[in-house]
Amino acid sequence: MSANTEIYTWSYCPFCVRAKALLSKKNVEYREYIIDGDESARDAMAERANGRRSLPQIFIDGRHVGGCDDLYELEAMGKLDPLLAGLPS
């Protein structure tokens, strides 16, 4: 079973592109919310992301994992693949 992965992005955000590239490299299907200029969508994202308003913000199985740097840190620590596989943490 694979995890439900969601990512909030801006169209031309280099960190968003980098995060999506890692997910794509891992053949992860994800739901992308492109929120360019939509402050109400950004407010909703921030509520889910414990107040974080920077982009991207990434959620795996409803769990907020953070932004691009956080995603790459999980990868470096060997913790990303189990999360993406839907395994308990």
C-alpha atoms as a PDB file:
ATOM      1  CA  MET A   1       0.000   0.000   0.000  1.00  0.00           C
ATOM      2  CA  SER A   2       1.349   3.415  -0.882  1.00  0.00           C
ATOM      3  CA  ALA A   3       0.814   6.530   1.139  1.00  0.00           C
ATOM      4  CA  ASN A   4      -1.470   9.398   0.160  1.00  0.00           C
ATOM      5  CA  THR A   5       0.951  12.217  -0.693  1.00  0.00           C
ATOM      6  CA  GLU A   6      -0.097  15.860  -1.065  1.00  0.00           C
ATOM      7  CA  ILE A   7       2.011  18.901  -1.887  1.00  0.00           C
ATOM      8  CA  TYR A   8       1.107  22.594  -1.891  1.00  0.00           C
ATOM      9  CA  THR A   9       3.098  24.558  -4.479  1.00  0.00           C
ATOM     10  CA  TRP A  10       3.551  27.716  -6.479  1.00  0.00           C
ATOM     11  CA  SER A  11       4.094  27.261 -10.215  1.00  0.00           C
ATOM     12  CA  TYR A  12       7.550  28.839 -10.405  1.00  0.00           C
ATOM     13  CA  CYS A  13       8.940  27.999  -6.965  1.00  0.00           C
ATOM     14  CA  PRO A  14      12.376  26.330  -7.272  1.00  0.00           C
ATOM     15  CA  PHE A  15      11.929  24.523  -3.942  1.00  0.00           C
ATOM     16  CA  CYS A  16       8.575  23.178  -5.126  1.00  0.00           C
ATOM     17  CA  VAL A  17      10.169  21.927  -8.344  1.00  0.00           C
ATOM     18  CA  ARG A  18      12.960  20.261  -6.349  1.00  0.00           C
ATOM     19  CA  ALA A  19      10.535  18.539  -3.951  1.00  0.00           C
ATOM     20  CA  LYS A  20       8.355  17.289  -6.815  1.00  0.00           C
ATOM     21  CA  ALA A  21      11.482  16.013  -8.599  1.00  0.00           C
ATOM     22  CA  LEU A  22      12.373  13.830  -5.605  1.00  0.00           C
ATOM     23  CA  LEU A  23       8.834  12.464  -5.377  1.00  0.00           C
ATOM     24  CA  SER A  24       8.807  11.781  -9.123  1.00  0.00           C
ATOM     25  CA  LYS A  25      12.224  10.089  -8.937  1.00  0.00           C
ATOM     26  CA  LYS A  26      10.682   7.754  -6.377  1.00  0.00           C
ATOM     27  CA  ASN A  27       7.667   7.140  -8.657  1.00  0.00           C
ATOM     28  CA  VAL A  28       5.325   8.638  -6.082  1.00  0.00           C
ATOM     29  CA  GLU A  29       1.904   9.691  -7.246  1.00  0.00           C
ATOM     30  CA  TYR A  30       0.951  12.869  -5.425  1.00  0.00           C
ATOM     31  CA  ARG A  31      -1.867  15.362  -5.381  1.00  0.00           C
ATOM     32  CA  GLU A  32      -0.604  18.852  -6.102  1.00  0.00           C
ATOM     33  CA  TYR A  33      -2.384  21.981  -4.956  1.00  0.00           C
ATOM     34  CA  ILE A  34      -1.076  24.926  -6.980  1.00  0.00           C
ATOM     35  CA  ILE A  35      -2.018  27.930  -4.863  1.00  0.00           C
ATOM     36  CA  ASP A  36      -0.455  30.828  -6.824  1.00  0.00           C
ATOM     37  CA  GLY A  37      -1.978  34.047  -5.475  1.00  0.00           C
ATOM     38  CA  ASP A  38      -4.805  32.273  -3.644  1.00  0.00           C
ATOM     39  CA  GLU A  39      -4.510  33.601  -0.097  1.00  0.00           C
ATOM     40  CA  SER A  40      -7.499  31.631   1.207  1.00  0.00           C
ATOM     41  CA  ALA A  41      -5.882  28.395  -0.048  1.00  0.00           C
ATOM     42  CA  ARG A  42      -2.602  29.479   1.546  1.00  0.00           C
ATOM     43  CA  ASP A  43      -4.415  30.132   4.833  1.00  0.00           C
ATOM     44  CA  ALA A  44      -5.953  26.643   4.683  1.00  0.00           C
ATOM     45  CA  MET A  45      -2.519  25.151   3.960  1.00  0.00           C
ATOM     46  CA  ALA A  46      -0.971  27.059   6.870  1.00  0.00           C
ATOM     47  CA  GLU A  47      -3.671  25.763   9.191  1.00  0.00           C
ATOM     48  CA  ARG A  48      -2.799  22.193   8.184  1.00  0.00           C
ATOM     49  CA  ALA A  49       0.946  22.958   8.355  1.00  0.00           C
ATOM     50  CA  ASN A  50       1.012  24.229  11.946  1.00  0.00           C
ATOM     51  CA  GLY A  51       1.261  27.846  10.798  1.00  0.00           C
ATOM     52  CA  ARG A  52       3.968  27.372   8.171  1.00  0.00           C
ATOM     53  CA  ARG A  53       3.271  29.535   5.122  1.00  0.00           C
ATOM     54  CA  SER A  54       6.370  28.798   3.055  1.00  0.00           C
ATOM     55  CA  LEU A  55       6.129  26.583   0.005  1.00  0.00           C
ATOM     56  CA  PRO A  56       6.129  23.754  -0.657  1.00  0.00           C
ATOM     57  CA  GLN A  57       4.341  22.094   2.231  1.00  0.00           C
ATOM     58  CA  ILE A  58       4.135  18.321   2.020  1.00  0.00           C
ATOM     59  CA  PHE A  59       1.778  15.860   3.698  1.00  0.00           C
ATOM     60  CA  ILE A  60       2.068  12.079   3.689  1.00  0.00           C
ATOM     61  CA  ASP A  61      -1.003  10.178   4.858  1.00  0.00           C
ATOM     62  CA  GLY A  62      -2.290  13.409   6.386  1.00  0.00           C
ATOM     63  CA  ARG A  63       0.914  13.907   8.405  1.00  0.00           C
ATOM     64  CA  HIS A  64       2.699  17.193   7.848  1.00  0.00           C
ATOM     65  CA  VAL A  65       6.313  16.400   6.954  1.00  0.00           C
ATOM     66  CA  GLY A  66       7.356  19.973   6.141  1.00  0.00           C
ATOM     67  CA  GLY A  67       8.919  21.600   3.125  1.00  0.00           C
ATOM     68  CA  CYS A  68      11.534  20.744   0.535  1.00  0.00           C
ATOM     69  CA  ASP A  69      14.499  20.672   2.924  1.00  0.00           C
ATOM     70  CA  ASP A  70      12.528  18.515   5.360  1.00  0.00           C
ATOM     71  CA  LEU A  71      11.681  16.059   2.563  1.00  0.00           C
ATOM     72  CA  TYR A  72      15.342  15.770   1.540  1.00  0.00           C
ATOM     73  CA  GLU A  73      16.365  15.365   5.195  1.00  0.00           C
ATOM     74  CA  LEU A  74      13.929  12.448   5.568  1.00  0.00           C
ATOM     75  CA  GLU A  75      15.477  10.946   2.441  1.00  0.00           C
ATOM     76  CA  ALA A  76      19.031  11.369   3.789  1.00  0.00           C
ATOM     77  CA  MET A  77      18.046   9.704   7.077  1.00  0.00           C
ATOM     78  CA  GLY A  78      16.421   6.754   5.279  1.00  0.00           C
ATOM     79  CA  LYS A  79      12.987   7.636   6.671  1.00  0.00           C
ATOM     80  CA  LEU A  80      11.234   8.779   3.505  1.00  0.00           C
ATOM     81  CA  ASP A  81      10.721   5.416   1.797  1.00  0.00           C
ATOM     82  CA  PRO A  82       8.890   3.838   4.775  1.00  0.00           C
ATOM     83  CA  LEU A  83       6.607   6.894   4.980  1.00  0.00           C
ATOM     84  CA  LEU A  84       5.876   6.752   1.260  1.00  0.00           C
ATOM     85  CA  ALA A  85       5.165   3.018   1.513  1.00  0.00           C
ATOM     86  CA  GLY A  86       2.497   3.756   4.117  1.00  0.00           C
ATOM     87  CA  LEU A  87       4.372   1.925   6.864  1.00  0.00           C
ATOM     88  CA  PRO A  88       3.806   3.019  10.473  1.00  0.00           C
ATOM     89  CA  SER A  89       6.490   5.353  11.788  1.00  0.00           C
END
